[in-house]
Amino acid sequence: MSAVKTLRFGTRGSDLALWQTRYIMKLMEEAVPALHLEYEIIKTRGDTILHTPLPLVGGKGVFTAELESAIYEKRIDCAVHSLKDLPTEQPDGLVIGATPIRANPADVLISRRGYTLATLPNGARVGTSSTRRAAQLRHLRPDLNTIDIRGNVDTRIQKALAKDGDYDAIVLAFAGLERLERLEVVSEVLDFADMLPAPGQGAIAVQTRDEPTLLETLRVIHHQDTALAITAERAFLAGLGGGCSVPVAAYAQRQNGQWVLRGRVSAPGGTQQIDVTSTAIVNDEQAAYTLGIALAQEALAKGAKALMEQRL
């Protein structure tokens, strides 16, 4: 039995963040019934600045810095994050201690009139706070007007469905809607060929101090295939030198005993897009990392750096 008797979690206060934290606690409770579990809500900078596009707020670490400080200060032992929000480089002394099984990483379209990507009218206003989503939308439909939208999942849904609202549609992650039992609002699940997800989308990360007892305790909820996939995807992003706010997408999945990693780099305006794919046998996280870095180098050789540096 682990030496850890109590595990204290930190979380943002949104419904989705709380769902994810309670889900992790439920998995831990089932695996280690004797463990005492607690959680604390911690407000991040991304939760307080709601009227500025995320890339202008700072992007990197905007939803994580305050939680990480609480781990360092030992107010909490672990922070629960949507993995796609975590910078690719972990701060000294902190690690991702566990990634449970991943949910569907797809993106979805929500429209009060039931529009799909193909049926959105010319010049339709589509809300997203993601440069990745906006760039891919513009690549597919240059006529679309992508506009920023902030707020938690329920707030965004309300804005999308408002009778006289500013948006003809919005794009959100399938996983968040599924977790909050709001899939009934989805107009279309977007195909990966049209909208490749963010690295790590659909996965939950439990961040903790790099201490053997904590890592041993969390290992019981760790899902290895999820870890391999998100390691390859995040290595692709890291290899490009990009952070959470650049228009980079990646998705890794196991097929016929091998791993297939797809990467995409888009110009912010959607005018150009680079797609790369690689297949390899991956048995550990080092091999997954190598796969991601190699694919990033291929994308860079095709001009990815110039695309990421473009401005709207």
C-alpha atoms as a PDB file:
ATOM      1  CA  MET A   1       0.000   0.000   0.000  1.00  0.00           C
ATOM      2  CA  SER A   2       1.204   3.517  -0.774  1.00  0.00           C
ATOM      3  CA  ALA A   3       2.538   5.673   2.052  1.00  0.00           C
ATOM      4  CA  VAL A   4       0.163   8.443   0.941  1.00  0.00           C
ATOM      5  CA  LYS A   5      -2.908   8.549   3.203  1.00  0.00           C
ATOM      6  CA  THR A   6      -4.511  11.788   1.992  1.00  0.00           C
ATOM      7  CA  LEU A   7      -4.532  13.187  -1.523  1.00  0.00           C
ATOM      8  CA  ARG A   8      -5.492  16.843  -2.007  1.00  0.00           C
ATOM      9  CA  PHE A   9      -6.574  17.993  -5.449  1.00  0.00           C
ATOM     10  CA  GLY A  10      -6.771  21.473  -6.908  1.00  0.00           C
ATOM     11  CA  THR A  11      -9.170  22.467  -9.661  1.00  0.00           C
ATOM     12  CA  ARG A  12     -10.635  25.424 -11.482  1.00  0.00           C
ATOM     13  CA  GLY A  13     -14.202  26.217 -10.522  1.00  0.00           C
ATOM     14  CA  SER A  14     -16.050  25.646 -13.805  1.00  0.00           C
ATOM     15  CA  ASP A  15     -18.584  22.845 -14.093  1.00  0.00           C
ATOM     16  CA  LEU A  16     -16.299  20.973 -16.475  1.00  0.00           C
ATOM     17  CA  ALA A  17     -13.223  21.356 -14.278  1.00  0.00           C
ATOM     18  CA  LEU A  18     -15.187  20.151 -11.243  1.00  0.00           C
ATOM     19  CA  TRP A  19     -16.568  17.194 -13.204  1.00  0.00           C
ATOM     20  CA  GLN A  20     -13.067  16.196 -14.233  1.00  0.00           C
ATOM     21  CA  THR A  21     -11.728  16.479 -10.688  1.00  0.00           C
ATOM     22  CA  ARG A  22     -14.605  14.457  -9.227  1.00  0.00           C
ATOM     23  CA  TYR A  23     -14.110  11.870 -11.952  1.00  0.00           C
ATOM     24  CA  ILE A  24     -10.432  11.512 -11.039  1.00  0.00           C
ATOM     25  CA  MET A  25     -11.343  11.281  -7.344  1.00  0.00           C
ATOM     26  CA  LYS A  26     -13.922   8.593  -8.127  1.00  0.00           C
ATOM     27  CA  LEU A  27     -11.326   6.546 -10.016  1.00  0.00           C
ATOM     28  CA  MET A  28      -8.908   6.915  -7.108  1.00  0.00           C
ATOM     29  CA  GLU A  29     -11.570   6.001  -4.560  1.00  0.00           C
ATOM     30  CA  GLU A  30     -12.428   2.827  -6.469  1.00  0.00           C
ATOM     31  CA  ALA A  31      -8.769   1.845  -6.852  1.00  0.00           C
ATOM     32  CA  VAL A  32      -7.593   2.778  -3.336  1.00  0.00           C
ATOM     33  CA  PRO A  33     -10.630   2.785  -1.002  1.00  0.00           C
ATOM     34  CA  ALA A  34      -8.579   3.620   2.096  1.00  0.00           C
ATOM     35  CA  LEU A  35      -7.273   6.859   0.598  1.00  0.00           C
ATOM     36  CA  HIS A  36      -8.732  10.096   1.971  1.00  0.00           C
ATOM     37  CA  LEU A  37      -9.511  12.564  -0.837  1.00  0.00           C
ATOM     38  CA  GLU A  38     -10.054  16.332  -0.744  1.00  0.00           C
ATOM     39  CA  TYR A  39     -10.236  19.126  -3.293  1.00  0.00           C
ATOM     40  CA  GLU A  40      -9.875  22.900  -3.389  1.00  0.00           C
ATOM     41  CA  ILE A  41     -11.133  25.329  -6.035  1.00  0.00           C
ATOM     42  CA  ILE A  42      -8.422  27.704  -7.281  1.00  0.00           C
ATOM     43  CA  LYS A  43      -9.141  30.629  -9.609  1.00  0.00           C
ATOM     44  CA  THR A  44      -6.709  31.104 -12.499  1.00  0.00           C
ATOM     45  CA  ARG A  45      -5.899  34.151 -14.623  1.00  0.00           C
ATOM     46  CA  GLY A  46      -7.821  32.622 -17.513  1.00  0.00           C
ATOM     47  CA  ASP A  47     -10.932  32.509 -15.310  1.00  0.00           C
ATOM     48  CA  THR A  48     -10.787  36.201 -14.403  1.00  0.00           C
ATOM     49  CA  ILE A  49      -9.998  37.781 -17.798  1.00  0.00           C
ATOM     50  CA  LEU A  50     -13.094  36.922 -19.816  1.00  0.00           C
ATOM     51  CA  HIS A  51     -13.281  39.649 -22.452  1.00  0.00           C
ATOM     52  CA  THR A  52      -9.865  39.289 -24.085  1.00  0.00           C
ATOM     53  CA  PRO A  53      -8.937  36.639 -26.683  1.00  0.00           C
ATOM     54  CA  LEU A  54      -6.822  33.911 -25.074  1.00  0.00           C
ATOM     55  CA  PRO A  55      -3.694  34.480 -27.214  1.00  0.00           C
ATOM     56  CA  LEU A  56      -3.643  38.099 -26.010  1.00  0.00           C
ATOM     57  CA  VAL A  57      -4.076  37.080 -22.366  1.00  0.00           C
ATOM     58  CA  GLY A  58      -0.875  35.075 -22.543  1.00  0.00           C
ATOM     59  CA  GLY A  59      -1.999  31.668 -23.778  1.00  0.00           C
ATOM     60  CA  LYS A  60       0.743  29.568 -22.224  1.00  0.00           C
ATOM     61  CA  GLY A  61      -0.138  28.639 -18.656  1.00  0.00           C
ATOM     62  CA  VAL A  62      -3.126  30.967 -18.477  1.00  0.00           C
ATOM     63  CA  PHE A  63      -5.262  28.205 -16.910  1.00  0.00           C
ATOM     64  CA  THR A  64      -2.498  26.447 -14.994  1.00  0.00           C
ATOM     65  CA  ALA A  65      -0.019  28.808 -13.257  1.00  0.00           C
ATOM     66  CA  GLU A  66      -1.997  29.342 -10.038  1.00  0.00           C
ATOM     67  CA  LEU A  67      -2.662  25.612  -9.692  1.00  0.00           C
ATOM     68  CA  GLU A  68       1.023  24.864 -10.145  1.00  0.00           C
ATOM     69  CA  SER A  69       1.929  27.384  -7.454  1.00  0.00           C
ATOM     70  CA  ALA A  70      -0.430  25.609  -5.058  1.00  0.00           C
ATOM     71  CA  ILE A  71       1.307  22.290  -5.779  1.00  0.00           C
ATOM     72  CA  TYR A  72       4.728  23.827  -5.115  1.00  0.00           C
ATOM     73  CA  GLU A  73       3.456  25.335  -1.863  1.00  0.00           C
ATOM     74  CA  LYS A  74       2.004  21.913  -0.870  1.00  0.00           C
ATOM     75  CA  ARG A  75      -1.455  23.384  -0.389  1.00  0.00           C
ATOM     76  CA  ILE A  76      -2.492  20.632  -2.779  1.00  0.00           C
ATOM     77  CA  ASP A  77      -0.809  17.448  -4.005  1.00  0.00           C
ATOM     78  CA  CYS A  78      -2.278  17.341  -7.498  1.00  0.00           C
ATOM     79  CA  ALA A  79      -3.982  19.578 -10.027  1.00  0.00           C
ATOM     80  CA  VAL A  80      -6.507  18.262 -12.527  1.00  0.00           C
ATOM     81  CA  HIS A  81      -6.301  19.836 -15.981  1.00  0.00           C
ATOM     82  CA  SER A  82      -7.705  19.444 -19.442  1.00  0.00           C
ATOM     83  CA  LEU A  83      -4.460  18.178 -20.894  1.00  0.00           C
ATOM     84  CA  LYS A  84      -4.639  20.407 -23.965  1.00  0.00           C
ATOM     85  CA  ASP A  85      -4.321  23.436 -21.632  1.00  0.00           C
ATOM     86  CA  LEU A  86      -0.974  22.298 -20.241  1.00  0.00           C
ATOM     87  CA  PRO A  87       2.210  23.745 -21.764  1.00  0.00           C
ATOM     88  CA  THR A  88       4.371  21.045 -23.365  1.00  0.00           C
ATOM     89  CA  GLU A  89       7.223  21.700 -20.920  1.00  0.00           C
ATOM     90  CA  GLN A  90       6.540  20.939 -17.270  1.00  0.00           C
ATOM     91  CA  PRO A  91       7.974  23.276 -14.612  1.00  0.00           C
ATOM     92  CA  ASP A  92      10.921  21.949 -12.610  1.00  0.00           C
ATOM     93  CA  GLY A  93       9.763  19.479  -9.993  1.00  0.00           C
ATOM     94  CA  LEU A  94       6.325  18.914 -11.502  1.00  0.00           C
ATOM     95  CA  VAL A  95       5.205  16.026 -13.722  1.00  0.00           C
ATOM     96  CA  ILE A  96       2.073  14.560 -15.245  1.00  0.00           C
ATOM     97  CA  GLY A  97       1.454  11.755 -12.773  1.00  0.00           C
ATOM     98  CA  ALA A  98      -1.467  10.111 -14.549  1.00  0.00           C
ATOM     99  CA  THR A  99      -3.618  10.313 -17.643  1.00  0.00           C
ATOM    100  CA  PRO A 100      -6.748   8.154 -17.417  1.00  0.00           C
ATOM    101  CA  ILE A 101      -8.389   6.800 -20.549  1.00  0.00           C
ATOM    102  CA  ARG A 102      -9.057   9.493 -23.119  1.00  0.00           C
ATOM    103  CA  ALA A 103     -12.508  10.603 -24.244  1.00  0.00           C
ATOM    104  CA  ASN A 104     -13.471  11.331 -27.861  1.00  0.00           C
ATOM    105  CA  PRO A 105     -11.024  14.061 -29.027  1.00  0.00           C
ATOM    106  CA  ALA A 106     -13.237  15.397 -31.824  1.00  0.00           C
ATOM    107  CA  ASP A 107     -14.583  18.944 -32.168  1.00  0.00           C
ATOM    108  CA  VAL A 108     -18.268  19.667 -32.723  1.00  0.00           C
ATOM    109  CA  LEU A 109     -20.391  22.401 -34.240  1.00  0.00           C
ATOM    110  CA  ILE A 110     -23.314  23.880 -32.273  1.00  0.00           C
ATOM    111  CA  SER A 111     -25.900  25.976 -34.116  1.00  0.00           C
ATOM    112  CA  ARG A 112     -29.332  27.136 -33.052  1.00  0.00           C
ATOM    113  CA  ARG A 113     -30.523  26.587 -36.633  1.00  0.00           C
ATOM    114  CA  GLY A 114     -28.917  23.175 -36.930  1.00  0.00           C
ATOM    115  CA  TYR A 115     -26.299  24.242 -39.462  1.00  0.00           C
ATOM    116  CA  THR A 116     -23.452  21.898 -40.365  1.00  0.00           C
ATOM    117  CA  LEU A 117     -20.087  23.055 -41.642  1.00  0.00           C
ATOM    118  CA  ALA A 118     -21.298  22.488 -45.199  1.00  0.00           C
ATOM    119  CA  THR A 119     -24.634  24.272 -44.781  1.00  0.00           C
ATOM    120  CA  LEU A 120     -23.491  27.375 -42.882  1.00  0.00           C
ATOM    121  CA  PRO A 121     -24.503  30.358 -45.041  1.00  0.00           C
ATOM    122  CA  ASN A 122     -21.915  32.549 -46.725  1.00  0.00           C
ATOM    123  CA  GLY A 123     -20.363  34.940 -44.189  1.00  0.00           C
ATOM    124  CA  ALA A 124     -21.730  33.033 -41.182  1.00  0.00           C
ATOM    125  CA  ARG A 125     -20.357  34.047 -37.793  1.00  0.00           C
ATOM    126  CA  VAL A 126     -18.651  31.161 -36.001  1.00  0.00           C
ATOM    127  CA  GLY A 127     -17.469  31.560 -32.413  1.00  0.00           C
ATOM    128  CA  THR A 128     -14.234  30.039 -31.155  1.00  0.00           C
ATOM    129  CA  SER A 129     -11.446  31.123 -28.802  1.00  0.00           C
ATOM    130  CA  SER A 130      -9.007  28.716 -30.480  1.00  0.00           C
ATOM    131  CA  THR A 131      -6.599  29.863 -33.196  1.00  0.00           C
ATOM    132  CA  ARG A 132      -6.331  26.218 -34.288  1.00  0.00           C
ATOM    133  CA  ARG A 133     -10.072  25.887 -34.851  1.00  0.00           C
ATOM    134  CA  ALA A 134     -10.378  29.306 -36.478  1.00  0.00           C
ATOM    135  CA  ALA A 135      -7.530  28.611 -38.915  1.00  0.00           C
ATOM    136  CA  GLN A 136      -8.924  25.234 -39.961  1.00  0.00           C
ATOM    137  CA  LEU A 137     -12.404  26.708 -40.397  1.00  0.00           C
ATOM    138  CA  ARG A 138     -11.024  29.478 -42.601  1.00  0.00           C
ATOM    139  CA  HIS A 139      -9.073  26.950 -44.644  1.00  0.00           C
ATOM    140  CA  LEU A 140     -12.240  24.965 -45.345  1.00  0.00           C
ATOM    141  CA  ARG A 141     -14.587  27.933 -45.648  1.00  0.00           C
ATOM    142  CA  PRO A 142     -12.739  31.218 -46.381  1.00  0.00           C
ATOM    143  CA  ASP A 143     -16.103  32.995 -46.407  1.00  0.00           C
ATOM    144  CA  LEU A 144     -16.752  32.317 -42.713  1.00  0.00           C
ATOM    145  CA  ASN A 145     -16.350  35.077 -40.143  1.00  0.00           C
ATOM    146  CA  THR A 146     -14.657  33.562 -37.083  1.00  0.00           C
ATOM    147  CA  ILE A 147     -15.136  35.648 -33.949  1.00  0.00           C
ATOM    148  CA  ASP A 148     -13.861  35.218 -30.417  1.00  0.00           C
ATOM    149  CA  ILE A 149     -16.016  33.651 -27.724  1.00  0.00           C
ATOM    150  CA  ARG A 150     -15.105  33.251 -24.043  1.00  0.00           C
ATOM    151  CA  GLY A 151     -16.741  31.733 -20.993  1.00  0.00           C
ATOM    152  CA  ASN A 152     -17.316  28.236 -19.648  1.00  0.00           C
ATOM    153  CA  VAL A 153     -19.081  25.522 -21.654  1.00  0.00           C
ATOM    154  CA  ASP A 154     -22.607  26.405 -20.511  1.00  0.00           C
ATOM    155  CA  THR A 155     -22.028  30.114 -21.171  1.00  0.00           C
ATOM    156  CA  ARG A 156     -20.842  29.396 -24.697  1.00  0.00           C
ATOM    157  CA  ILE A 157     -23.791  27.116 -25.371  1.00  0.00           C
ATOM    158  CA  GLN A 158     -26.181  29.840 -24.199  1.00  0.00           C
ATOM    159  CA  LYS A 159     -24.503  32.332 -26.531  1.00  0.00           C
ATOM    160  CA  ALA A 160     -24.710  29.879 -29.433  1.00  0.00           C
ATOM    161  CA  LEU A 161     -28.402  29.144 -28.914  1.00  0.00           C
ATOM    162  CA  ALA A 162     -29.543  32.697 -28.103  1.00  0.00           C
ATOM    163  CA  LYS A 163     -32.327  33.690 -30.522  1.00  0.00           C
ATOM    164  CA  ASP A 164     -30.748  37.037 -31.398  1.00  0.00           C
ATOM    165  CA  GLY A 165     -27.190  36.077 -30.519  1.00  0.00           C
ATOM    166  CA  ASP A 166     -23.958  37.092 -32.227  1.00  0.00           C
ATOM    167  CA  TYR A 167     -23.134  33.587 -33.463  1.00  0.00           C
ATOM    168  CA  ASP A 168     -24.539  31.404 -36.232  1.00  0.00           C
ATOM    169  CA  ALA A 169     -22.531  28.527 -34.765  1.00  0.00           C
ATOM    170  CA  ILE A 170     -19.722  27.814 -32.319  1.00  0.00           C
ATOM    171  CA  VAL A 171     -17.101  25.067 -32.086  1.00  0.00           C
ATOM    172  CA  LEU A 172     -16.460  23.151 -28.866  1.00  0.00           C
ATOM    173  CA  ALA A 173     -14.822  19.872 -27.851  1.00  0.00           C
ATOM    174  CA  PHE A 174     -16.964  16.725 -27.909  1.00  0.00           C
ATOM    175  CA  ALA A 175     -15.407  15.506 -24.645  1.00  0.00           C
ATOM    176  CA  GLY A 176     -16.506  18.486 -22.566  1.00  0.00           C
ATOM    177  CA  LEU A 177     -20.088  18.271 -23.813  1.00  0.00           C
ATOM    178  CA  GLU A 178     -20.193  14.527 -23.202  1.00  0.00           C
ATOM    179  CA  ARG A 179     -18.912  14.942 -19.654  1.00  0.00           C
ATOM    180  CA  LEU A 180     -21.523  17.600 -18.905  1.00  0.00           C
ATOM    181  CA  GLU A 181     -24.279  15.571 -20.627  1.00  0.00           C
ATOM    182  CA  ARG A 182     -24.954  18.284 -23.212  1.00  0.00           C
ATOM    183  CA  LEU A 183     -24.499  16.356 -26.454  1.00  0.00           C
ATOM    184  CA  GLU A 184     -28.108  17.130 -27.427  1.00  0.00           C
ATOM    185  CA  VAL A 185     -26.995  20.605 -28.585  1.00  0.00           C
ATOM    186  CA  VAL A 186     -24.525  19.251 -31.173  1.00  0.00           C
ATOM    187  CA  SER A 187     -25.353  19.991 -34.812  1.00  0.00           C
ATOM    188  CA  GLU A 188     -22.385  18.090 -36.240  1.00  0.00           C
ATOM    189  CA  VAL A 189     -19.382  16.091 -35.049  1.00  0.00           C
ATOM    190  CA  LEU A 190     -16.565  17.396 -37.233  1.00  0.00           C
ATOM    191  CA  ASP A 191     -14.525  14.864 -39.175  1.00  0.00           C
ATOM    192  CA  PHE A 192     -10.800  14.724 -38.405  1.00  0.00           C
ATOM    193  CA  ALA A 193     -10.100  15.388 -42.087  1.00  0.00           C
ATOM    194  CA  ASP A 194     -11.785  18.777 -41.631  1.00  0.00           C
ATOM    195  CA  MET A 195     -10.915  19.611 -38.021  1.00  0.00           C
ATOM    196  CA  LEU A 196      -7.920  17.845 -36.483  1.00  0.00           C
ATOM    197  CA  PRO A 197      -7.942  18.214 -32.673  1.00  0.00           C
ATOM    198  CA  ALA A 198      -5.520  20.004 -30.391  1.00  0.00           C
ATOM    199  CA  PRO A 199      -2.670  17.865 -29.014  1.00  0.00           C
ATOM    200  CA  GLY A 200      -4.052  16.069 -25.968  1.00  0.00           C
ATOM    201  CA  GLN A 201      -7.684  17.053 -26.580  1.00  0.00           C
ATOM    202  CA  GLY A 202     -10.129  14.791 -24.743  1.00  0.00           C
ATOM    203  CA  ALA A 203      -7.514  13.725 -22.178  1.00  0.00           C
ATOM    204  CA  ILE A 204      -7.324  14.670 -18.503  1.00  0.00           C
ATOM    205  CA  ALA A 205      -3.940  15.233 -16.852  1.00  0.00           C
ATOM    206  CA  VAL A 206      -3.218  14.855 -13.158  1.00  0.00           C
ATOM    207  CA  GLN A 207      -0.226  17.089 -12.457  1.00  0.00           C
ATOM    208  CA  THR A 208       1.768  16.523  -9.291  1.00  0.00           C
ATOM    209  CA  ARG A 209       5.144  16.921  -7.601  1.00  0.00           C
ATOM    210  CA  ASP A 210       7.877  14.602  -8.820  1.00  0.00           C
ATOM    211  CA  GLU A 211       7.800  12.515  -5.655  1.00  0.00           C
ATOM    212  CA  PRO A 212       7.865   8.676  -5.742  1.00  0.00           C
ATOM    213  CA  THR A 213       5.036   8.212  -3.241  1.00  0.00           C
ATOM    214  CA  LEU A 214       2.675  10.510  -5.173  1.00  0.00           C
ATOM    215  CA  LEU A 215       3.552   8.918  -8.513  1.00  0.00           C
ATOM    216  CA  GLU A 216       3.055   5.425  -7.099  1.00  0.00           C
ATOM    217  CA  THR A 217      -0.344   6.405  -5.725  1.00  0.00           C
ATOM    218  CA  LEU A 218      -1.563   7.906  -9.012  1.00  0.00           C
ATOM    219  CA  ARG A 219      -0.237   5.066 -11.170  1.00  0.00           C
ATOM    220  CA  VAL A 220      -3.388   2.998 -10.496  1.00  0.00           C
ATOM    221  CA  ILE A 221      -5.503   5.279 -12.751  1.00  0.00           C
ATOM    222  CA  HIS A 222      -2.908   5.742 -15.502  1.00  0.00           C
ATOM    223  CA  HIS A 223      -3.866   4.543 -19.015  1.00  0.00           C
ATOM    224  CA  GLN A 224      -0.780   3.689 -21.047  1.00  0.00           C
ATOM    225  CA  ASP A 225      -2.270   3.992 -24.548  1.00  0.00           C
ATOM    226  CA  THR A 226      -3.581   7.450 -23.696  1.00  0.00           C
ATOM    227  CA  ALA A 227      -0.130   8.404 -22.417  1.00  0.00           C
ATOM    228  CA  LEU A 228       1.540   7.187 -25.615  1.00  0.00           C
ATOM    229  CA  ALA A 229      -0.906   9.087 -27.823  1.00  0.00           C
ATOM    230  CA  ILE A 230      -0.659  12.395 -26.000  1.00  0.00           C
ATOM    231  CA  THR A 231       3.126  12.114 -25.695  1.00  0.00           C
ATOM    232  CA  ALA A 232       3.435  11.816 -29.484  1.00  0.00           C
ATOM    233  CA  GLU A 233       0.989  14.683 -30.075  1.00  0.00           C
ATOM    234  CA  ARG A 234       2.631  17.016 -27.582  1.00  0.00           C
ATOM    235  CA  ALA A 235       6.086  16.147 -28.938  1.00  0.00           C
ATOM    236  CA  PHE A 236       4.863  17.248 -32.355  1.00  0.00           C
ATOM    237  CA  LEU A 237       3.801  20.589 -30.872  1.00  0.00           C
ATOM    238  CA  ALA A 238       7.029  20.957 -28.884  1.00  0.00           C
ATOM    239  CA  GLY A 239       9.132  20.057 -31.914  1.00  0.00           C
ATOM    240  CA  LEU A 240       7.539  22.913 -33.823  1.00  0.00           C
ATOM    241  CA  GLY A 241       8.393  25.319 -31.013  1.00  0.00           C
ATOM    242  CA  GLY A 242       4.722  26.097 -30.529  1.00  0.00           C
ATOM    243  CA  GLY A 243       2.499  26.582 -27.508  1.00  0.00           C
ATOM    244  CA  CYS A 244      -1.205  26.322 -26.766  1.00  0.00           C
ATOM    245  CA  SER A 245      -2.067  29.429 -28.786  1.00  0.00           C
ATOM    246  CA  VAL A 246      -0.603  28.473 -32.180  1.00  0.00           C
ATOM    247  CA  PRO A 247      -2.697  26.865 -34.964  1.00  0.00           C
ATOM    248  CA  VAL A 248      -1.241  23.364 -34.575  1.00  0.00           C
ATOM    249  CA  ALA A 249      -3.247  20.138 -34.461  1.00  0.00           C
ATOM    250  CA  ALA A 250      -2.227  16.523 -33.877  1.00  0.00           C
ATOM    251  CA  TYR A 251      -3.873  13.171 -33.310  1.00  0.00           C
ATOM    252  CA  ALA A 252      -2.270   9.783 -32.622  1.00  0.00           C
ATOM    253  CA  GLN A 253      -4.117   6.479 -32.659  1.00  0.00           C
ATOM    254  CA  ARG A 254      -3.223   2.797 -32.638  1.00  0.00           C
ATOM    255  CA  GLN A 255      -4.008   0.982 -35.890  1.00  0.00           C
ATOM    256  CA  ASN A 256      -3.145  -2.644 -36.662  1.00  0.00           C
ATOM    257  CA  GLY A 257      -0.444  -2.841 -34.026  1.00  0.00           C
ATOM    258  CA  GLN A 258       1.230   0.418 -35.026  1.00  0.00           C
ATOM    259  CA  TRP A 259       0.707   4.053 -34.119  1.00  0.00           C
ATOM    260  CA  VAL A 260      -0.375   6.587 -36.718  1.00  0.00           C
ATOM    261  CA  LEU A 261       0.352  10.227 -35.908  1.00  0.00           C
ATOM    262  CA  ARG A 262      -1.261  12.972 -37.959  1.00  0.00           C
ATOM    263  CA  GLY A 263      -0.099  16.562 -37.645  1.00  0.00           C
ATOM    264  CA  ARG A 264      -1.411  19.792 -39.114  1.00  0.00           C
ATOM    265  CA  VAL A 265      -0.053  23.331 -39.141  1.00  0.00           C
ATOM    266  CA  SER A 266      -2.264  26.112 -40.457  1.00  0.00           C
ATOM    267  CA  ALA A 267      -1.688  29.727 -41.339  1.00  0.00           C
ATOM    268  CA  PRO A 268      -3.816  31.814 -38.922  1.00  0.00           C
ATOM    269  CA  GLY A 269      -5.858  33.117 -41.831  1.00  0.00           C
ATOM    270  CA  GLY A 270      -6.404  29.624 -43.195  1.00  0.00           C
ATOM    271  CA  THR A 271      -4.769  30.470 -46.510  1.00  0.00           C
ATOM    272  CA  GLN A 272      -2.291  27.595 -46.246  1.00  0.00           C
ATOM    273  CA  GLN A 273      -2.186  24.295 -44.410  1.00  0.00           C
ATOM    274  CA  ILE A 274       0.498  21.634 -44.006  1.00  0.00           C
ATOM    275  CA  ASP A 275      -0.563  18.050 -43.270  1.00  0.00           C
ATOM    276  CA  VAL A 276       1.943  15.358 -42.300  1.00  0.00           C
ATOM    277  CA  THR A 277       1.502  11.739 -41.231  1.00  0.00           C
ATOM    278  CA  SER A 278       3.855   9.113 -39.832  1.00  0.00           C
ATOM    279  CA  THR A 279       3.479   5.495 -38.720  1.00  0.00           C
ATOM    280  CA  ALA A 280       5.683   3.632 -36.243  1.00  0.00           C
ATOM    281  CA  ILE A 281       5.766   0.844 -33.708  1.00  0.00           C
ATOM    282  CA  VAL A 282       5.568   2.541 -30.317  1.00  0.00           C
ATOM    283  CA  ASN A 283       5.965   0.596 -27.087  1.00  0.00           C
ATOM    284  CA  ASP A 284       7.000   3.321 -24.646  1.00  0.00           C
ATOM    285  CA  GLU A 285       6.824   7.057 -24.151  1.00  0.00           C
ATOM    286  CA  GLN A 286      10.350   7.656 -25.460  1.00  0.00           C
ATOM    287  CA  ALA A 287       9.384   6.063 -28.776  1.00  0.00           C
ATOM    288  CA  ALA A 288       6.180   8.128 -28.821  1.00  0.00           C
ATOM    289  CA  TYR A 289       8.174  11.294 -28.200  1.00  0.00           C
ATOM    290  CA  THR A 290      10.603  10.399 -30.990  1.00  0.00           C
ATOM    291  CA  LEU A 291       7.677   9.856 -33.380  1.00  0.00           C
ATOM    292  CA  GLY A 292       6.283  13.322 -32.594  1.00  0.00           C
ATOM    293  CA  ILE A 293       9.617  15.102 -32.920  1.00  0.00           C
ATOM    294  CA  ALA A 294      10.361  13.409 -36.252  1.00  0.00           C
ATOM    295  CA  LEU A 295       6.974  14.432 -37.641  1.00  0.00           C
ATOM    296  CA  ALA A 296       7.530  18.016 -36.465  1.00  0.00           C
ATOM    297  CA  GLN A 297      10.832  18.080 -38.345  1.00  0.00           C
ATOM    298  CA  GLU A 298       9.020  16.926 -41.479  1.00  0.00           C
ATOM    299  CA  ALA A 299       6.459  19.709 -41.053  1.00  0.00           C
ATOM    300  CA  LEU A 300       9.227  22.283 -40.537  1.00  0.00           C
ATOM    301  CA  ALA A 301      10.943  21.079 -43.702  1.00  0.00           C
ATOM    302  CA  LYS A 302       7.678  21.804 -45.529  1.00  0.00           C
ATOM    303  CA  GLY A 303       7.513  25.387 -44.241  1.00  0.00           C
ATOM    304  CA  ALA A 304       5.565  25.085 -40.965  1.00  0.00           C
ATOM    305  CA  LYS A 305       7.569  27.764 -39.133  1.00  0.00           C
ATOM    306  CA  ALA A 306       6.648  30.429 -41.679  1.00  0.00           C
ATOM    307  CA  LEU A 307       2.971  29.525 -41.380  1.00  0.00           C
ATOM    308  CA  MET A 308       2.961  29.769 -37.593  1.00  0.00           C
ATOM    309  CA  GLU A 309       4.635  33.177 -37.733  1.00  0.00           C
ATOM    310  CA  GLN A 310       2.030  34.662 -40.047  1.00  0.00           C
ATOM    311  CA  ARG A 311      -0.438  37.183 -38.646  1.00  0.00           C
ATOM    312  CA  LEU A 312      -4.055  37.748 -39.560  1.00  0.00           C
END
